[in-house]
């Protein structure tokens, strides 16, 4: 009978030890879950911050490109205006010389160039 009592005490001690180990594992799991959750929260915040930085950089670059395109557009418009003025002046000169046919002018220019190149 004393062996049974001793065995019972040892069994109870083992059960208490196992229960304590289970509690430790639960506590460690809860701590690990909290740590992982905090880490994911920090990672998410970091990614959101980086996303906003990238969006701002892309928007700034886009604005710069738009500004560049607007400047290019103004330059092209000025060039077209200059061409239009030259065309008007050419037409005025054609009327002065009473030459209406542009092909005729090209022929005359080619003739003059061929005379000068000989």
N, C-alpha and C. Protein backbone atom coordinates (compact mmCIF):
# COMPACT_ATOMS: atom_id res chain seq x y z
N UNK A 1 0.81 -1.17 0.00
CA UNK A 1 0.00 0.00 0.00
C UNK A 1 0.88 1.26 0.00
N UNK A 2 1.95 1.24 0.73
CA UNK A 2 2.83 2.40 0.75
C UNK A 2 3.42 2.66 -0.63
N UNK A 3 3.61 1.64 -1.40
CA UNK A 3 4.09 1.82 -2.78
C UNK A 3 3.04 2.54 -3.62
N UNK A 4 1.80 2.22 -3.36
CA UNK A 4 0.71 2.87 -4.08
C UNK A 4 0.64 4.35 -3.68
N UNK A 5 0.82 4.66 -2.44
CA UNK A 5 0.78 6.03 -1.97
C UNK A 5 1.95 6.79 -2.59
N UNK A 6 3.12 6.14 -2.57
CA UNK A 6 4.31 6.77 -3.15
C UNK A 6 4.10 7.00 -4.65
N UNK A 7 3.59 6.00 -5.33
CA UNK A 7 3.33 6.10 -6.77
C UNK A 7 2.30 7.19 -7.03
N UNK A 8 1.29 7.30 -6.20
CA UNK A 8 0.27 8.32 -6.34
C UNK A 8 0.88 9.71 -6.17
N UNK A 9 1.76 9.87 -5.17
CA UNK A 9 2.42 11.16 -4.94
C UNK A 9 3.30 11.54 -6.14
N UNK A 10 4.03 10.57 -6.67
CA UNK A 10 4.90 10.82 -7.82
C UNK A 10 4.06 11.19 -9.05
N UNK A 11 2.97 10.49 -9.22
CA UNK A 11 2.07 10.76 -10.35
C UNK A 11 1.49 12.17 -10.23
N UNK A 12 1.07 12.54 -9.01
CA UNK A 12 0.53 13.89 -8.79
C UNK A 12 1.60 14.94 -9.06
N UNK A 13 2.83 14.69 -8.60
CA UNK A 13 3.92 15.62 -8.84
C UNK A 13 4.18 15.76 -10.34
N UNK A 14 4.17 14.64 -11.08
CA UNK A 14 4.35 14.67 -12.54
C UNK A 14 3.22 15.45 -13.20
N UNK A 15 1.99 15.22 -12.73
CA UNK A 15 0.84 15.95 -13.30
C UNK A 15 0.97 17.44 -13.04
N UNK A 16 1.39 17.82 -11.83
CA UNK A 16 1.58 19.24 -11.51
C UNK A 16 2.68 19.84 -12.39
N UNK A 17 3.76 19.08 -12.57
CA UNK A 17 4.87 19.55 -13.41
C UNK A 17 4.40 19.73 -14.85
N UNK A 18 3.65 18.77 -15.35
CA UNK A 18 3.13 18.84 -16.73
C UNK A 18 2.18 20.02 -16.86
N UNK A 19 1.30 20.21 -15.87
CA UNK A 19 0.36 21.35 -15.88
C UNK A 19 1.12 22.67 -15.88
N UNK A 20 2.19 22.76 -15.09
CA UNK A 20 3.01 23.96 -15.06
C UNK A 20 3.67 24.19 -16.41
N UNK A 21 4.16 23.13 -17.03
CA UNK A 21 4.77 23.24 -18.37
C UNK A 21 3.74 23.72 -19.39
N UNK A 22 2.53 23.20 -19.30
CA UNK A 22 1.46 23.61 -20.22
C UNK A 22 1.17 25.09 -20.03
N UNK A 23 1.10 25.57 -18.79
CA UNK A 23 0.87 26.98 -18.51
C UNK A 23 2.00 27.83 -19.10
N UNK A 24 3.26 27.37 -18.94
CA UNK A 24 4.40 28.09 -19.50
C UNK A 24 4.30 28.17 -21.02
N UNK A 25 3.93 27.06 -21.64
CA UNK A 25 3.80 27.04 -23.10
C UNK A 25 2.71 28.01 -23.54
N UNK A 26 1.58 28.00 -22.84
CA UNK A 26 0.49 28.93 -23.17
C UNK A 26 0.95 30.38 -23.03
N UNK A 27 1.67 30.66 -21.93
CA UNK A 27 2.17 32.01 -21.69
C UNK A 27 3.16 32.41 -22.79
N UNK A 28 4.06 31.49 -23.13
CA UNK A 28 5.03 31.77 -24.20
C UNK A 28 4.34 31.97 -25.55
N UNK A 29 3.34 31.17 -25.82
CA UNK A 29 2.59 31.32 -27.09
C UNK A 29 1.89 32.68 -27.13
N UNK A 30 1.28 33.07 -26.00
CA UNK A 30 0.60 34.37 -25.95
C UNK A 30 1.60 35.50 -26.15
N UNK A 31 2.76 35.40 -25.49
CA UNK A 31 3.80 36.42 -25.65
C UNK A 31 4.31 36.46 -27.09
N UNK A 32 4.51 35.27 -27.67
CA UNK A 32 4.99 35.21 -29.05
C UNK A 32 3.96 35.80 -30.00
N UNK A 33 2.69 35.49 -29.77
CA UNK A 33 1.62 36.03 -30.61
C UNK A 33 1.58 37.56 -30.50
N UNK A 34 1.72 38.07 -29.31
CA UNK A 34 1.74 39.52 -29.11
C UNK A 34 2.94 40.15 -29.81
N UNK A 35 4.11 39.51 -29.67
CA UNK A 35 5.32 40.04 -30.31
C UNK A 35 5.17 40.04 -31.83
N UNK A 36 4.65 38.95 -32.38
CA UNK A 36 4.47 38.87 -33.83
C UNK A 36 3.44 39.90 -34.29
N UNK A 37 2.38 40.06 -33.51
CA UNK A 37 1.36 41.05 -33.86
C UNK A 37 1.96 42.45 -33.88
N UNK A 38 2.76 42.77 -32.86
CA UNK A 38 3.40 44.08 -32.81
C UNK A 38 4.36 44.27 -33.98
N UNK A 39 5.09 43.22 -34.31
CA UNK A 39 6.04 43.31 -35.42
C UNK A 39 5.30 43.54 -36.73
N UNK A 40 4.20 42.81 -36.94
CA UNK A 40 3.42 43.01 -38.16
C UNK A 40 2.83 44.42 -38.21
N UNK A 41 2.39 44.93 -37.05
CA UNK A 41 1.85 46.28 -37.00
C UNK A 41 2.91 47.30 -37.40
N UNK A 42 4.12 47.15 -36.87
CA UNK A 42 5.22 48.05 -37.21
C UNK A 42 5.58 47.93 -38.69
N UNK A 43 5.60 46.70 -39.18
CA UNK A 43 5.91 46.48 -40.60
C UNK A 43 4.86 47.12 -41.49
N UNK A 44 3.58 46.96 -41.11
CA UNK A 44 2.49 47.56 -41.89
C UNK A 44 2.63 49.09 -41.90
N UNK A 45 2.92 49.68 -40.74
CA UNK A 45 3.09 51.12 -40.66
C UNK A 45 4.26 51.58 -41.53
N UNK A 46 5.34 50.82 -41.47
CA UNK A 46 6.52 51.16 -42.27
C UNK A 46 6.19 51.08 -43.77
N UNK A 47 5.47 50.04 -44.17
CA UNK A 47 5.10 49.90 -45.58
C UNK A 47 4.14 51.01 -46.02
N UNK A 48 3.20 51.37 -45.16
CA UNK A 48 2.28 52.46 -45.50
C UNK A 48 3.04 53.78 -45.65
N UNK A 49 3.99 54.01 -44.76
CA UNK A 49 4.80 55.23 -44.85
C UNK A 49 5.58 55.25 -46.16
N UNK A 50 6.20 54.11 -46.50
CA UNK A 50 6.97 54.02 -47.75
C UNK A 50 6.06 54.20 -48.96
N UNK A 51 4.86 53.65 -48.89
CA UNK A 51 3.89 53.79 -49.98
C UNK A 51 3.57 55.27 -50.20
N UNK A 52 3.32 56.00 -49.10
CA UNK A 52 3.01 57.43 -49.22
C UNK A 52 4.21 58.19 -49.78
N UNK A 53 5.42 57.82 -49.35
CA UNK A 53 6.62 58.48 -49.88
C UNK A 53 6.73 58.25 -51.38
N UNK A 54 6.48 57.01 -51.81
CA UNK A 54 6.57 56.70 -53.25
C UNK A 54 5.49 57.44 -54.04
N UNK A 55 4.29 57.48 -53.50
CA UNK A 55 3.19 58.19 -54.18
C UNK A 55 3.55 59.66 -54.32
N UNK A 56 4.07 60.26 -53.24
CA UNK A 56 4.46 61.67 -53.30
C UNK A 56 5.57 61.90 -54.31
N UNK A 57 6.55 60.97 -54.35
CA UNK A 57 7.65 61.10 -55.31
C UNK A 57 7.14 60.99 -56.74
N UNK A 58 6.23 60.04 -56.97
CA UNK A 58 5.66 59.86 -58.32
C UNK A 58 4.85 61.09 -58.72
N UNK A 59 4.05 61.62 -57.77
CA UNK A 59 3.27 62.81 -58.08
C UNK A 59 4.17 64.00 -58.37
N UNK A 60 5.25 64.14 -57.60
CA UNK A 60 6.19 65.25 -57.84
C UNK A 60 6.84 65.10 -59.20
N UNK A 61 7.25 63.86 -59.54
CA UNK A 61 7.86 63.64 -60.84
C UNK A 61 6.86 63.93 -61.95
N UNK A 62 5.62 63.49 -61.73
CA UNK A 62 4.57 63.76 -62.72
C UNK A 62 4.35 65.25 -62.92
N UNK A 63 4.35 65.99 -61.80
CA UNK A 63 4.19 67.45 -61.92
C UNK A 63 5.37 68.06 -62.68
N UNK A 64 6.57 67.54 -62.40
CA UNK A 64 7.75 68.04 -63.11
C UNK A 64 7.66 67.74 -64.60
N UNK A 65 7.21 66.52 -64.92
CA UNK A 65 7.06 66.17 -66.33
C UNK A 65 5.98 67.01 -66.99
N UNK A 66 4.90 67.26 -66.28
CA UNK A 66 3.83 68.10 -66.83
C UNK A 66 4.36 69.50 -67.07
N UNK A 67 5.12 70.03 -66.09
CA UNK A 67 5.71 71.36 -66.28
C UNK A 67 6.63 71.38 -67.50
N UNK A 68 7.42 70.30 -67.65
CA UNK A 68 8.31 70.21 -68.81
C UNK A 68 7.53 70.14 -70.11
N UNK A 69 6.44 69.37 -70.11
CA UNK A 69 5.61 69.28 -71.31
C UNK A 69 4.93 70.61 -71.62
N UNK A 70 4.50 71.30 -70.57
CA UNK A 70 3.89 72.61 -70.81
C UNK A 70 4.92 73.59 -71.39
N UNK A 71 6.15 73.54 -70.89
CA UNK A 71 7.22 74.41 -71.43
C UNK A 71 7.48 74.04 -72.89
N UNK A 72 7.55 72.72 -73.16
CA UNK A 72 7.77 72.26 -74.53
C UNK A 72 6.62 72.72 -75.43
N UNK A 73 5.40 72.63 -74.91
CA UNK A 73 4.22 73.08 -75.67
C UNK A 73 4.33 74.57 -75.98
N UNK A 74 4.72 75.36 -74.98
CA UNK A 74 4.88 76.80 -75.23
C UNK A 74 5.95 77.06 -76.28
N UNK A 75 7.05 76.31 -76.21
CA UNK A 75 8.13 76.47 -77.20
C UNK A 75 7.63 76.12 -78.59
N UNK A 76 6.91 74.99 -78.69
CA UNK A 76 6.36 74.60 -79.99
C UNK A 76 5.36 75.63 -80.51
N UNK A 77 4.52 76.16 -79.61
CA UNK A 77 3.55 77.17 -80.02
C UNK A 77 4.28 78.41 -80.54
N UNK A 78 5.33 78.82 -79.86
CA UNK A 78 6.10 79.98 -80.30
C UNK A 78 6.74 79.69 -81.66
N UNK A 79 7.27 78.47 -81.81
CA UNK A 79 7.88 78.10 -83.09
C UNK A 79 6.84 78.14 -84.21
N UNK A 80 5.64 77.59 -83.91
CA UNK A 80 4.57 77.64 -84.91
C UNK A 80 4.17 79.09 -85.23
N UNK A 81 4.12 79.92 -84.22
CA UNK A 81 3.82 81.34 -84.45
C UNK A 81 4.90 81.97 -85.32
N UNK A 82 6.17 81.66 -85.02
CA UNK A 82 7.27 82.19 -85.83
C UNK A 82 7.17 81.71 -87.27
N UNK A 83 6.85 80.43 -87.46
CA UNK A 83 6.71 79.87 -88.81
C UNK A 83 5.56 80.57 -89.53
N UNK A 84 4.47 80.79 -88.80
CA UNK A 84 3.32 81.47 -89.40
C UNK A 84 3.71 82.89 -89.84
N UNK A 85 4.49 83.58 -89.01
CA UNK A 85 4.94 84.93 -89.37
C UNK A 85 5.83 84.90 -90.61
N UNK A 86 6.73 83.91 -90.65
CA UNK A 86 7.61 83.78 -91.82
C UNK A 86 6.79 83.48 -93.06
N UNK A 87 5.79 82.62 -92.89
CA UNK A 87 4.93 82.27 -94.02
C UNK A 87 4.18 83.51 -94.51
N UNK A 88 3.65 84.28 -93.56
CA UNK A 88 2.96 85.51 -93.95
C UNK A 88 3.90 86.46 -94.68
N UNK A 89 5.11 86.60 -94.15
CA UNK A 89 6.09 87.48 -94.79
C UNK A 89 6.45 86.96 -96.18
N UNK A 90 6.58 85.64 -96.29
CA UNK A 90 6.89 85.04 -97.60
C UNK A 90 5.76 85.30 -98.58
N UNK A 91 4.54 85.11 -98.11
CA UNK A 91 3.39 85.37 -98.98
C UNK A 91 3.33 86.83 -99.40
N UNK A 92 3.64 87.71 -98.45
CA UNK A 92 3.65 89.14 -98.77
C UNK A 92 4.71 89.42 -99.84
N UNK A 93 5.88 88.81 -99.66
CA UNK A 93 6.95 89.02 -100.64
C UNK A 93 6.56 88.42 -101.99
N UNK A 94 5.89 87.28 -101.97
CA UNK A 94 5.44 86.68 -103.23
C UNK A 94 4.48 87.61 -103.96
N UNK A 95 3.59 88.21 -103.18
CA UNK A 95 2.65 89.16 -103.82
C UNK A 95 3.40 90.35 -104.38
N UNK A 96 4.42 90.78 -103.65
CA UNK A 96 5.22 91.91 -104.14
C UNK A 96 5.87 91.56 -105.46
N UNK A 97 6.41 90.37 -105.54
CA UNK A 97 7.08 89.94 -106.78
C UNK A 97 6.10 89.33 -107.76
N UNK A 98 4.83 89.28 -107.36
CA UNK A 98 3.78 88.76 -108.21
C UNK A 98 4.08 87.32 -108.64
N UNK A 99 4.59 86.56 -107.69
CA UNK A 99 4.81 85.13 -107.95
C UNK A 99 3.85 84.38 -107.02
N UNK A 100 2.97 83.64 -107.59
CA UNK A 100 1.94 82.97 -106.80
C UNK A 100 2.23 81.47 -106.61
N UNK A 101 3.05 80.92 -107.45
CA UNK A 101 3.24 79.48 -107.43
C UNK A 101 4.52 79.12 -106.68
N UNK A 102 4.38 78.39 -105.58
CA UNK A 102 5.53 78.02 -104.77
C UNK A 102 6.46 77.08 -105.56
N UNK A 103 5.89 76.23 -106.41
CA UNK A 103 6.72 75.33 -107.23
C UNK A 103 7.62 76.15 -108.14
N UNK A 104 7.10 77.24 -108.64
CA UNK A 104 7.89 78.11 -109.50
C UNK A 104 9.07 78.69 -108.72
N UNK A 105 8.82 79.05 -107.49
CA UNK A 105 9.89 79.60 -106.64
C UNK A 105 10.96 78.53 -106.42
N UNK A 106 10.52 77.32 -106.12
CA UNK A 106 11.48 76.24 -105.90
C UNK A 106 12.34 76.02 -107.14
N UNK A 107 11.72 76.07 -108.30
CA UNK A 107 12.47 75.90 -109.54
C UNK A 107 13.51 77.00 -109.69
N UNK A 108 13.08 78.23 -109.42
CA UNK A 108 14.00 79.36 -109.53
C UNK A 108 15.16 79.22 -108.55
N UNK A 109 14.85 78.79 -107.33
CA UNK A 109 15.90 78.62 -106.31
C UNK A 109 16.86 77.52 -106.75
N UNK A 110 16.34 76.42 -107.26
CA UNK A 110 17.18 75.30 -107.70
C UNK A 110 18.06 75.74 -108.88
N UNK A 111 17.47 76.52 -109.77
CA UNK A 111 18.26 77.01 -110.89
C UNK A 111 19.40 77.89 -110.41
N UNK A 112 19.10 78.78 -109.49
CA UNK A 112 20.14 79.67 -108.96
C UNK A 112 21.22 78.87 -108.24
N UNK A 113 20.78 77.85 -107.49
CA UNK A 113 21.77 77.03 -106.77
C UNK A 113 22.64 76.25 -107.73
N UNK A 114 22.03 75.73 -108.80
CA UNK A 114 22.83 74.97 -109.77
C UNK A 114 23.79 75.89 -110.53
N UNK A 115 23.37 77.12 -110.78
CA UNK A 115 24.28 78.08 -111.44
C UNK A 115 25.45 78.39 -110.52
N UNK A 116 25.16 78.58 -109.23
CA UNK A 116 26.22 78.92 -108.27
C UNK A 116 27.16 77.75 -108.01
N UNK A 117 26.67 76.52 -108.15
CA UNK A 117 27.52 75.36 -107.85
C UNK A 117 28.44 75.01 -109.03
N UNK A 118 28.21 75.55 -110.22
CA UNK A 118 29.03 75.25 -111.39
C UNK A 118 30.29 75.97 -111.37
